[in-house]
Structure formats: structure tokens, C-alpha cells
Amino acid sequence: MVTTVKVSARIPPALAKEMEKLIEAGIYSNKSEIIKDALREFLLKKKYIQVSAEGDYVKNIMRAIEPILAEDWDSEADAHWDEYGGIDYEPDKT
């Protein structure tokens, strides 16, 4: 079963050099990882920017990150904060 598809693209030499720098720095292990990461970010951005009103944009962004925040909040790494409780929130009335 094929899990990936090969896609060829021509890019400017300057972009190729920047990709090599990211690989040399150990941020990515190869060019494919860079391209996949950039494409994911691009598609996510396009998906949530395609709303007409700013309020909808913020709601969509929150809808996208809430599961990530919930997972982090419930993680064992953050369990030590449970004993501290919360702080009452009072909105600014000015």
C-alpha cells in the first residue's frame, strides 16, 4: 500500500539553500519534511482564512486549537498545576 505520492517541483536556488540550512541545523532531516510541513501550514491557514468576518476567523482558530490545548491541559506533565487552582476572572469594565 502506497502511503505517499511523489510530487516534483522547481524552486528558486535561494529557497533550496534555505532548505539545506534547515537540514544542516537539524531542524528537518530532509527536504520532503520541509515541504510537507510548509504545505500543512499553508493549507491550515487557507482553510481558516476563508471566512468573511474577523469574529468567524477567531472562532475557527479557537475551534482548531482547543483540542490541542485540552490534550496538553490534561497531560501528566501539567498535573502539578492542579493543586494551585484558578484565579477568578473579572473582565475589564473600562
PDB file of N, CA and C in Angstrom:
ATOM      1  N   MET A   1       0.845  -1.180   0.000  1.00  0.00           N
ATOM      2  CA  MET A   1       0.000   0.000   0.000  1.00  0.00           C
ATOM      3  C   MET A   1       0.891   1.244   0.000  1.00  0.00           C
ATOM      4  N   VAL A   2       0.598   2.180  -0.897  1.00  0.00           N
ATOM      5  CA  VAL A   2       1.367   3.414  -1.009  1.00  0.00           C
ATOM      6  C   VAL A   2       0.866   4.419   0.023  1.00  0.00           C
ATOM      7  N   THR A   3       1.805   4.949   0.816  1.00  0.00           N
ATOM      8  CA  THR A   3       1.414   5.929   1.841  1.00  0.00           C
ATOM      9  C   THR A   3       1.801   7.343   1.453  1.00  0.00           C
ATOM     10  N   THR A   4       2.592   7.495   0.390  1.00  0.00           N
ATOM     11  CA  THR A   4       2.973   8.822  -0.078  1.00  0.00           C
ATOM     12  C   THR A   4       2.909   8.861  -1.601  1.00  0.00           C
ATOM     13  N   VAL A   5       2.892  10.063  -2.126  1.00  0.00           N
ATOM     14  CA  VAL A   5       2.877  10.292  -3.569  1.00  0.00           C
ATOM     15  C   VAL A   5       4.043  11.209  -3.893  1.00  0.00           C
ATOM     16  N   LYS A   6       4.790  10.870  -4.934  1.00  0.00           N
ATOM     17  CA  LYS A   6       5.917  11.710  -5.323  1.00  0.00           C
ATOM     18  C   LYS A   6       5.415  12.881  -6.151  1.00  0.00           C
ATOM     19  N   VAL A   7       5.848  14.090  -5.765  1.00  0.00           N
ATOM     20  CA  VAL A   7       5.489  15.314  -6.462  1.00  0.00           C
ATOM     21  C   VAL A   7       6.783  16.060  -6.771  1.00  0.00           C
ATOM     22  N   SER A   8       6.952  16.459  -8.013  1.00  0.00           N
ATOM     23  CA  SER A   8       8.142  17.214  -8.395  1.00  0.00           C
ATOM     24  C   SER A   8       7.797  18.692  -8.517  1.00  0.00           C
ATOM     25  N   ALA A   9       8.732  19.545  -8.120  1.00  0.00           N
ATOM     26  CA  ALA A   9       8.516  20.992  -8.219  1.00  0.00           C
ATOM     27  C   ALA A   9       9.851  21.669  -8.425  1.00  0.00           C
ATOM     28  N   ARG A  10       9.831  22.750  -9.161  1.00  0.00           N
ATOM     29  CA  ARG A  10      11.035  23.566  -9.342  1.00  0.00           C
ATOM     30  C   ARG A  10      10.917  24.767  -8.413  1.00  0.00           C
ATOM     31  N   ILE A  11      12.013  25.038  -7.689  1.00  0.00           N
ATOM     32  CA  ILE A  11      12.026  26.178  -6.774  1.00  0.00           C
ATOM     33  C   ILE A  11      13.280  27.002  -7.032  1.00  0.00           C
ATOM     34  N   PRO A  12      13.257  28.268  -6.659  1.00  0.00           N
ATOM     35  CA  PRO A  12      14.435  29.114  -6.839  1.00  0.00           C
ATOM     36  C   PRO A  12      15.624  28.593  -6.021  1.00  0.00           C
ATOM     37  N   PRO A  13      16.843  28.776  -6.521  1.00  0.00           N
ATOM     38  CA  PRO A  13      18.032  28.317  -5.803  1.00  0.00           C
ATOM     39  C   PRO A  13      18.126  28.861  -4.374  1.00  0.00           C
ATOM     40  N   ALA A  14      17.690  30.084  -4.161  1.00  0.00           N
ATOM     41  CA  ALA A  14      17.753  30.666  -2.813  1.00  0.00           C
ATOM     42  C   ALA A  14      16.894  29.872  -1.821  1.00  0.00           C
ATOM     43  N   LEU A  15      15.724  29.422  -2.268  1.00  0.00           N
ATOM     44  CA  LEU A  15      14.879  28.614  -1.385  1.00  0.00           C
ATOM     45  C   LEU A  15      15.525  27.267  -1.102  1.00  0.00           C
ATOM     46  N   ALA A  16      16.147  26.690  -2.115  1.00  0.00           N
ATOM     47  CA  ALA A  16      16.832  25.408  -1.926  1.00  0.00           C
ATOM     48  C   ALA A  16      17.958  25.550  -0.903  1.00  0.00           C
ATOM     49  N   LYS A  17      18.682  26.663  -0.953  1.00  0.00           N
ATOM     50  CA  LYS A  17      19.767  26.912   0.006  1.00  0.00           C
ATOM     51  C   LYS A  17      19.213  27.039   1.426  1.00  0.00           C
ATOM     52  N   GLU A  18      18.078  27.727   1.548  1.00  0.00           N
ATOM     53  CA  GLU A  18      17.456  27.874   2.869  1.00  0.00           C
ATOM     54  C   GLU A  18      17.007  26.516   3.400  1.00  0.00           C
ATOM     55  N   MET A  19      16.513  25.669   2.521  1.00  0.00           N
ATOM     56  CA  MET A  19      16.120  24.318   2.939  1.00  0.00           C
ATOM     57  C   MET A  19      17.337  23.554   3.454  1.00  0.00           C
ATOM     58  N   GLU A  20      18.454  23.667   2.752  1.00  0.00           N
ATOM     59  CA  GLU A  20      19.685  22.988   3.171  1.00  0.00           C
ATOM     60  C   GLU A  20      20.139  23.476   4.544  1.00  0.00           C
ATOM     61  N   LYS A  21      19.988  24.767   4.800  1.00  0.00           N
ATOM     62  CA  LYS A  21      20.365  25.319   6.108  1.00  0.00           C
ATOM     63  C   LYS A  21      19.521  24.700   7.226  1.00  0.00           C
ATOM     64  N   LEU A  22      18.215  24.526   6.965  1.00  0.00           N
ATOM     65  CA  LEU A  22      17.333  23.921   7.963  1.00  0.00           C
ATOM     66  C   LEU A  22      17.722  22.468   8.233  1.00  0.00           C
ATOM     67  N   ILE A  23      18.131  21.771   7.186  1.00  0.00           N
ATOM     68  CA  ILE A  23      18.563  20.380   7.334  1.00  0.00           C
ATOM     69  C   ILE A  23      19.887  20.319   8.097  1.00  0.00           C
ATOM     70  N   GLU A  24      20.830  21.165   7.718  1.00  0.00           N
ATOM     71  CA  GLU A  24      22.133  21.198   8.400  1.00  0.00           C
ATOM     72  C   GLU A  24      21.997  21.565   9.875  1.00  0.00           C
ATOM     73  N   ALA A  25      21.015  22.421  10.188  1.00  0.00           N
ATOM     74  CA  ALA A  25      20.792  22.827  11.577  1.00  0.00           C
ATOM     75  C   ALA A  25      20.085  21.737  12.385  1.00  0.00           C
ATOM     76  N   GLY A  26      19.632  20.692  11.704  1.00  0.00           N
ATOM     77  CA  GLY A  26      18.954  19.601  12.393  1.00  0.00           C
ATOM     78  C   GLY A  26      17.489  19.855  12.662  1.00  0.00           C
ATOM     79  N   ILE A  27      16.943  20.901  12.075  1.00  0.00           N
ATOM     80  CA  ILE A  27      15.529  21.216  12.277  1.00  0.00           C
ATOM     81  C   ILE A  27      14.665  20.226  11.503  1.00  0.00           C
ATOM     82  N   TYR A  28      15.110  19.868  10.321  1.00  0.00           N
ATOM     83  CA  TYR A  28      14.445  18.855   9.494  1.00  0.00           C
ATOM     84  C   TYR A  28      15.495  17.845   9.051  1.00  0.00           C
ATOM     85  N   SER A  29      15.053  16.624   8.754  1.00  0.00           N
ATOM     86  CA  SER A  29      16.008  15.611   8.315  1.00  0.00           C
ATOM     87  C   SER A  29      16.147  15.547   6.799  1.00  0.00           C
ATOM     88  N   ASN A  30      15.165  16.091   6.065  1.00  0.00           N
ATOM     89  CA  ASN A  30      15.253  16.087   4.605  1.00  0.00           C
ATOM     90  C   ASN A  30      14.302  17.129   4.013  1.00  0.00           C
ATOM     91  N   LYS A  31      14.411  17.332   2.713  1.00  0.00           N
ATOM     92  CA  LYS A  31      13.590  18.334   2.029  1.00  0.00           C
ATOM     93  C   LYS A  31      12.120  17.961   2.023  1.00  0.00           C
ATOM     94  N   SER A  32      11.832  16.687   1.946  1.00  0.00           N
ATOM     95  CA  SER A  32      10.427  16.255   1.954  1.00  0.00           C
ATOM     96  C   SER A  32       9.716  16.701   3.224  1.00  0.00           C
ATOM     97  N   GLU A  33      10.386  16.582   4.359  1.00  0.00           N
ATOM     98  CA  GLU A  33       9.779  17.015   5.622  1.00  0.00           C
ATOM     99  C   GLU A  33       9.483  18.505   5.610  1.00  0.00           C
ATOM    100  N   ILE A  34      10.394  19.290   5.064  1.00  0.00           N
ATOM    101  CA  ILE A  34      10.192  20.741   4.989  1.00  0.00           C
ATOM    102  C   ILE A  34       8.975  21.059   4.128  1.00  0.00           C
ATOM    103  N   ILE A  35       8.905  20.428   2.986  1.00  0.00           N
ATOM    104  CA  ILE A  35       7.800  20.691   2.060  1.00  0.00           C
ATOM    105  C   ILE A  35       6.471  20.256   2.663  1.00  0.00           C
ATOM    106  N   LYS A  36       6.433  19.075   3.298  1.00  0.00           N
ATOM    107  CA  LYS A  36       5.181  18.612   3.924  1.00  0.00           C
ATOM    108  C   LYS A  36       4.743  19.556   5.035  1.00  0.00           C
ATOM    109  N   ASP A  37       5.684  20.000   5.867  1.00  0.00           N
ATOM    110  CA  ASP A  37       5.356  20.911   6.962  1.00  0.00           C
ATOM    111  C   ASP A  37       4.833  22.242   6.418  1.00  0.00           C
ATOM    112  N   ALA A  38       5.500  22.771   5.398  1.00  0.00           N
ATOM    113  CA  ALA A  38       5.076  24.044   4.806  1.00  0.00           C
ATOM    114  C   ALA A  38       3.700  23.909   4.159  1.00  0.00           C
ATOM    115  N   LEU A  39       3.452  22.791   3.500  1.00  0.00           N
ATOM    116  CA  LEU A  39       2.154  22.583   2.852  1.00  0.00           C
ATOM    117  C   LEU A  39       1.036  22.445   3.882  1.00  0.00           C
ATOM    118  N   ARG A  40       1.312  21.715   4.960  1.00  0.00           N
ATOM    119  CA  ARG A  40       0.301  21.593   6.025  1.00  0.00           C
ATOM    120  C   ARG A  40      -0.062  22.966   6.581  1.00  0.00           C
ATOM    121  N   GLU A  41       0.962  23.766   6.880  1.00  0.00           N
ATOM    122  CA  GLU A  41       0.728  25.102   7.426  1.00  0.00           C
ATOM    123  C   GLU A  41      -0.046  25.972   6.437  1.00  0.00           C
ATOM    124  N   PHE A  42       0.328  25.903   5.178  1.00  0.00           N
ATOM    125  CA  PHE A  42      -0.348  26.679   4.138  1.00  0.00           C
ATOM    126  C   PHE A  42      -1.819  26.295   4.036  1.00  0.00           C
ATOM    127  N   LEU A  43      -2.107  24.990   4.006  1.00  0.00           N
ATOM    128  CA  LEU A  43      -3.489  24.540   3.872  1.00  0.00           C
ATOM    129  C   LEU A  43      -4.320  24.892   5.102  1.00  0.00           C
ATOM    130  N   LEU A  44      -3.727  24.776   6.279  1.00  0.00           N
ATOM    131  CA  LEU A  44      -4.444  25.154   7.502  1.00  0.00           C
ATOM    132  C   LEU A  44      -4.769  26.635   7.484  1.00  0.00           C
ATOM    133  N   LYS A  45      -3.805  27.436   7.090  1.00  0.00           N
ATOM    134  CA  LYS A  45      -4.007  28.888   7.010  1.00  0.00           C
ATOM    135  C   LYS A  45      -5.115  29.224   6.019  1.00  0.00           C
ATOM    136  N   LYS A  46      -5.081  28.625   4.862  1.00  0.00           N
ATOM    137  CA  LYS A  46      -6.113  28.867   3.841  1.00  0.00           C
ATOM    138  C   LYS A  46      -7.483  28.439   4.330  1.00  0.00           C
ATOM    139  N   LYS A  47      -7.540  27.314   5.005  1.00  0.00           N
ATOM    140  CA  LYS A  47      -8.824  26.790   5.490  1.00  0.00           C
ATOM    141  C   LYS A  47      -9.491  27.761   6.452  1.00  0.00           C
ATOM    142  N   TYR A  48      -8.724  28.359   7.354  1.00  0.00           N
ATOM    143  CA  TYR A  48      -9.304  29.218   8.377  1.00  0.00           C
ATOM    144  C   TYR A  48      -9.368  30.685   7.988  1.00  0.00           C
ATOM    145  N   ILE A  49      -8.722  31.059   6.911  1.00  0.00           N
ATOM    146  CA  ILE A  49      -8.806  32.447   6.467  1.00  0.00           C
ATOM    147  C   ILE A  49     -10.005  32.640   5.546  1.00  0.00           C
ATOM    148  N   GLN A  50     -10.575  31.568   5.048  1.00  0.00           N
ATOM    149  CA  GLN A  50     -11.682  31.661   4.108  1.00  0.00           C
ATOM    150  C   GLN A  50     -13.010  31.972   4.790  1.00  0.00           C
ATOM    151  N   VAL A  51     -12.970  32.795   5.769  1.00  0.00           N
ATOM    152  CA  VAL A  51     -14.198  33.252   6.422  1.00  0.00           C
ATOM    153  C   VAL A  51     -14.310  34.750   6.206  1.00  0.00           C
ATOM    154  N   SER A  52     -15.519  35.245   6.208  1.00  0.00           N
ATOM    155  CA  SER A  52     -15.719  36.645   5.851  1.00  0.00           C
ATOM    156  C   SER A  52     -15.487  37.614   7.006  1.00  0.00           C
ATOM    157  N   ALA A  53     -15.943  37.281   8.185  1.00  0.00           N
ATOM    158  CA  ALA A  53     -15.852  38.224   9.303  1.00  0.00           C
ATOM    159  C   ALA A  53     -14.711  37.840  10.231  1.00  0.00           C
ATOM    160  N   GLU A  54     -14.092  38.824  10.870  1.00  0.00           N
ATOM    161  CA  GLU A  54     -12.974  38.575  11.778  1.00  0.00           C
ATOM    162  C   GLU A  54     -13.403  37.690  12.943  1.00  0.00           C
ATOM    163  N   GLY A  55     -14.606  37.892  13.441  1.00  0.00           N
ATOM    164  CA  GLY A  55     -15.113  37.070  14.539  1.00  0.00           C
ATOM    165  C   GLY A  55     -15.164  35.607  14.163  1.00  0.00           C
ATOM    166  N   ASP A  56     -15.584  35.313  12.939  1.00  0.00           N
ATOM    167  CA  ASP A  56     -15.601  33.939  12.475  1.00  0.00           C
ATOM    168  C   ASP A  56     -14.187  33.380  12.404  1.00  0.00           C
ATOM    169  N   TYR A  57     -13.253  34.207  11.995  1.00  0.00           N
ATOM    170  CA  TYR A  57     -11.858  33.769  11.898  1.00  0.00           C
ATOM    171  C   TYR A  57     -11.351  33.333  13.276  1.00  0.00           C
ATOM    172  N   VAL A  58     -11.590  34.154  14.281  1.00  0.00           N
ATOM    173  CA  VAL A  58     -11.133  33.840  15.635  1.00  0.00           C
ATOM    174  C   VAL A  58     -11.822  32.577  16.148  1.00  0.00           C
ATOM    175  N   LYS A  59     -13.116  32.453  15.907  1.00  0.00           N
ATOM    176  CA  LYS A  59     -13.842  31.256  16.337  1.00  0.00           C
ATOM    177  C   LYS A  59     -13.259  30.013  15.687  1.00  0.00           C
ATOM    178  N   ASN A  60     -12.941  30.092  14.406  1.00  0.00           N
ATOM    179  CA  ASN A  60     -12.382  28.935  13.706  1.00  0.00           C
ATOM    180  C   ASN A  60     -10.993  28.582  14.218  1.00  0.00           C
ATOM    181  N   ILE A  61     -10.197  29.591  14.506  1.00  0.00           N
ATOM    182  CA  ILE A  61      -8.872  29.329  15.056  1.00  0.00           C
ATOM    183  C   ILE A  61      -9.011  28.648  16.420  1.00  0.00           C
ATOM    184  N   MET A  62      -9.898  29.163  17.257  1.00  0.00           N
ATOM    185  CA  MET A  62     -10.107  28.561  18.571  1.00  0.00           C
ATOM    186  C   MET A  62     -10.608  27.126  18.438  1.00  0.00           C
ATOM    187  N   ARG A  63     -11.504  26.883  17.514  1.00  0.00           N
ATOM    188  CA  ARG A  63     -12.030  25.540  17.278  1.00  0.00           C
ATOM    189  C   ARG A  63     -10.883  24.605  16.878  1.00  0.00           C
ATOM    190  N   ALA A  64      -9.908  25.127  16.138  1.00  0.00           N
ATOM    191  CA  ALA A  64      -8.784  24.309  15.682  1.00  0.00           C
ATOM    192  C   ALA A  64      -7.814  23.993  16.813  1.00  0.00           C
ATOM    193  N   ILE A  65      -7.585  24.954  17.717  1.00  0.00           N
ATOM    194  CA  ILE A  65      -6.565  24.729  18.748  1.00  0.00           C
ATOM    195  C   ILE A  65      -7.111  24.184  20.060  1.00  0.00           C
ATOM    196  N   GLU A  66      -8.425  24.262  20.282  1.00  0.00           N
ATOM    197  CA  GLU A  66      -8.985  23.779  21.545  1.00  0.00           C
ATOM    198  C   GLU A  66      -8.651  22.319  21.838  1.00  0.00           C
ATOM    199  N   PRO A  67      -8.754  21.402  20.864  1.00  0.00           N
ATOM    200  CA  PRO A  67      -8.394  20.012  21.179  1.00  0.00           C
ATOM    201  C   PRO A  67      -6.929  19.855  21.571  1.00  0.00           C
ATOM    202  N   ILE A  68      -6.057  20.641  20.963  1.00  0.00           N
ATOM    203  CA  ILE A  68      -4.634  20.578  21.288  1.00  0.00           C
ATOM    204  C   ILE A  68      -4.411  21.093  22.705  1.00  0.00           C
ATOM    205  N   LEU A  69      -5.057  22.212  23.038  1.00  0.00           N
ATOM    206  CA  LEU A  69      -4.921  22.772  24.380  1.00  0.00           C
ATOM    207  C   LEU A  69      -5.503  21.831  25.426  1.00  0.00           C
ATOM    208  N   ALA A  70      -6.640  21.213  25.121  1.00  0.00           N
ATOM    209  CA  ALA A  70      -7.264  20.291  26.067  1.00  0.00           C
ATOM    210  C   ALA A  70      -6.363  19.099  26.330  1.00  0.00           C
ATOM    211  N   GLU A  71      -5.744  18.578  25.276  1.00  0.00           N
ATOM    212  CA  GLU A  71      -4.841  17.442  25.436  1.00  0.00           C
ATOM    213  C   GLU A  71      -3.651  17.830  26.308  1.00  0.00           C
ATOM    214  N   ASP A  72      -3.102  19.008  26.083  1.00  0.00           N
ATOM    215  CA  ASP A  72      -1.973  19.477  26.868  1.00  0.00           C
ATOM    216  C   ASP A  72      -2.392  19.717  28.315  1.00  0.00           C
ATOM    217  N   TRP A  73      -3.555  20.314  28.498  1.00  0.00           N
ATOM    218  CA  TRP A  73      -4.052  20.642  29.839  1.00  0.00           C
ATOM    219  C   TRP A  73      -4.222  19.378  30.676  1.00  0.00           C
ATOM    220  N   ASP A  74      -4.678  18.307  30.047  1.00  0.00           N
ATOM    221  CA  ASP A  74      -4.933  17.059  30.758  1.00  0.00           C
ATOM    222  C   ASP A  74      -3.712  16.150  30.855  1.00  0.00           C
ATOM    223  N   SER A  75      -2.582  16.589  30.359  1.00  0.00           N
ATOM    224  CA  SER A  75      -1.394  15.737  30.351  1.00  0.00           C
ATOM    225  C   SER A  75      -0.791  15.609  31.749  1.00  0.00           C
ATOM    226  N   GLU A  76      -0.036  14.542  31.936  1.00  0.00           N
ATOM    227  CA  GLU A  76       0.638  14.341  33.213  1.00  0.00           C
ATOM    228  C   GLU A  76       1.678  15.422  33.480  1.00  0.00           C
ATOM    229  N   ALA A  77       2.245  15.956  32.411  1.00  0.00           N
ATOM    230  CA  ALA A  77       3.271  16.993  32.569  1.00  0.00           C
ATOM    231  C   ALA A  77       2.710  18.232  33.262  1.00  0.00           C
ATOM    232  N   ASP A  78       1.427  18.484  33.113  1.00  0.00           N
ATOM    233  CA  ASP A  78       0.809  19.655  33.730  1.00  0.00           C
ATOM    234  C   ASP A  78       0.050  19.318  35.008  1.00  0.00           C
ATOM    235  N   ALA A  79       0.119  18.083  35.462  1.00  0.00           N
ATOM    236  CA  ALA A  79      -0.638  17.665  36.652  1.00  0.00           C
ATOM    237  C   ALA A  79      -0.241  18.452  37.895  1.00  0.00           C
ATOM    238  N   HIS A  80       1.015  18.891  37.974  1.00  0.00           N
ATOM    239  CA  HIS A  80       1.460  19.615  39.164  1.00  0.00           C
ATOM    240  C   HIS A  80       0.719  20.933  39.357  1.00  0.00           C
ATOM    241  N   TRP A  81       0.099  21.483  38.315  1.00  0.00           N
ATOM    242  CA  TRP A  81      -0.631  22.746  38.429  1.00  0.00           C
ATOM    243  C   TRP A  81      -2.017  22.561  39.051  1.00  0.00           C
ATOM    244  N   ASP A  82      -2.503  21.323  39.108  1.00  0.00           N
ATOM    245  CA  ASP A  82      -3.848  21.064  39.628  1.00  0.00           C
ATOM    246  C   ASP A  82      -4.027  21.579  41.054  1.00  0.00           C
ATOM    247  N   GLU A  83      -2.981  21.514  41.864  1.00  0.00           N
ATOM    248  CA  GLU A  83      -3.101  21.929  43.262  1.00  0.00           C
ATOM    249  C   GLU A  83      -3.214  23.444  43.430  1.00  0.00           C
ATOM    250  N   TYR A  84      -2.857  24.203  42.414  1.00  0.00           N
ATOM    251  CA  TYR A  84      -2.876  25.657  42.517  1.00  0.00           C
ATOM    252  C   TYR A  84      -4.254  26.270  42.293  1.00  0.00           C
ATOM    253  N   GLY A  85      -5.121  25.583  41.600  1.00  0.00           N
ATOM    254  CA  GLY A  85      -6.443  26.132  41.324  1.00  0.00           C
ATOM    255  C   GLY A  85      -6.378  27.299  40.371  1.00  0.00           C
ATOM    256  N   GLY A  86      -7.460  28.016  40.257  1.00  0.00           N
ATOM    257  CA  GLY A  86      -7.523  29.113  39.311  1.00  0.00           C
ATOM    258  C   GLY A  86      -7.644  30.459  39.976  1.00  0.00           C
ATOM    259  N   ILE A  87      -7.714  31.463  39.152  1.00  0.00           N
ATOM    260  CA  ILE A  87      -7.895  32.829  39.622  1.00  0.00           C
ATOM    261  C   ILE A  87      -9.215  33.320  39.053  1.00  0.00           C
ATOM    262  N   ASP A  88     -10.033  33.937  39.887  1.00  0.00           N
ATOM    263  CA  ASP A  88     -11.297  34.468  39.393  1.00  0.00           C
ATOM    264  C   ASP A  88     -11.031  35.527  38.340  1.00  0.00           C
ATOM    265  N   TYR A  89     -11.768  35.464  37.284  1.00  0.00           N
ATOM    266  CA  TYR A  89     -11.599  36.398  36.179  1.00  0.00           C
ATOM    267  C   TYR A  89     -12.649  37.489  36.262  1.00  0.00           C
ATOM    268  N   GLU A  90     -12.205  38.724  36.222  1.00  0.00           N
ATOM    269  CA  GLU A  90     -13.119  39.854  36.170  1.00  0.00           C
ATOM    270  C   GLU A  90     -12.793  40.647  34.917  1.00  0.00           C
ATOM    271  N   PRO A  91     -13.715  40.721  33.968  1.00  0.00           N
ATOM    272  CA  PRO A  91     -13.431  41.457  32.749  1.00  0.00           C
ATOM    273  C   PRO A  91     -13.193  42.942  33.003  1.00  0.00           C
ATOM    274  N   ASP A  92     -12.345  43.526  32.196  1.00  0.00           N
ATOM    275  CA  ASP A  92     -12.061  44.951  32.304  1.00  0.00           C
ATOM    276  C   ASP A  92     -13.310  45.730  31.908  1.00  0.00           C
ATOM    277  N   LYS A  93     -13.791  46.585  32.770  1.00  0.00           N
ATOM    278  CA  LYS A  93     -15.033  47.307  32.520  1.00  0.00           C
ATOM    279  C   LYS A  93     -14.791  48.715  31.978  1.00  0.00           C
ATOM    280  N   THR A  94     -13.565  48.999  31.585  1.00  0.00           N
ATOM    281  CA  THR A  94     -13.274  50.341  31.063  1.00  0.00           C
ATOM    282  C   THR A  94     -13.541  50.433  29.598  1.00  0.00           C
TER     283      THR A  94
END
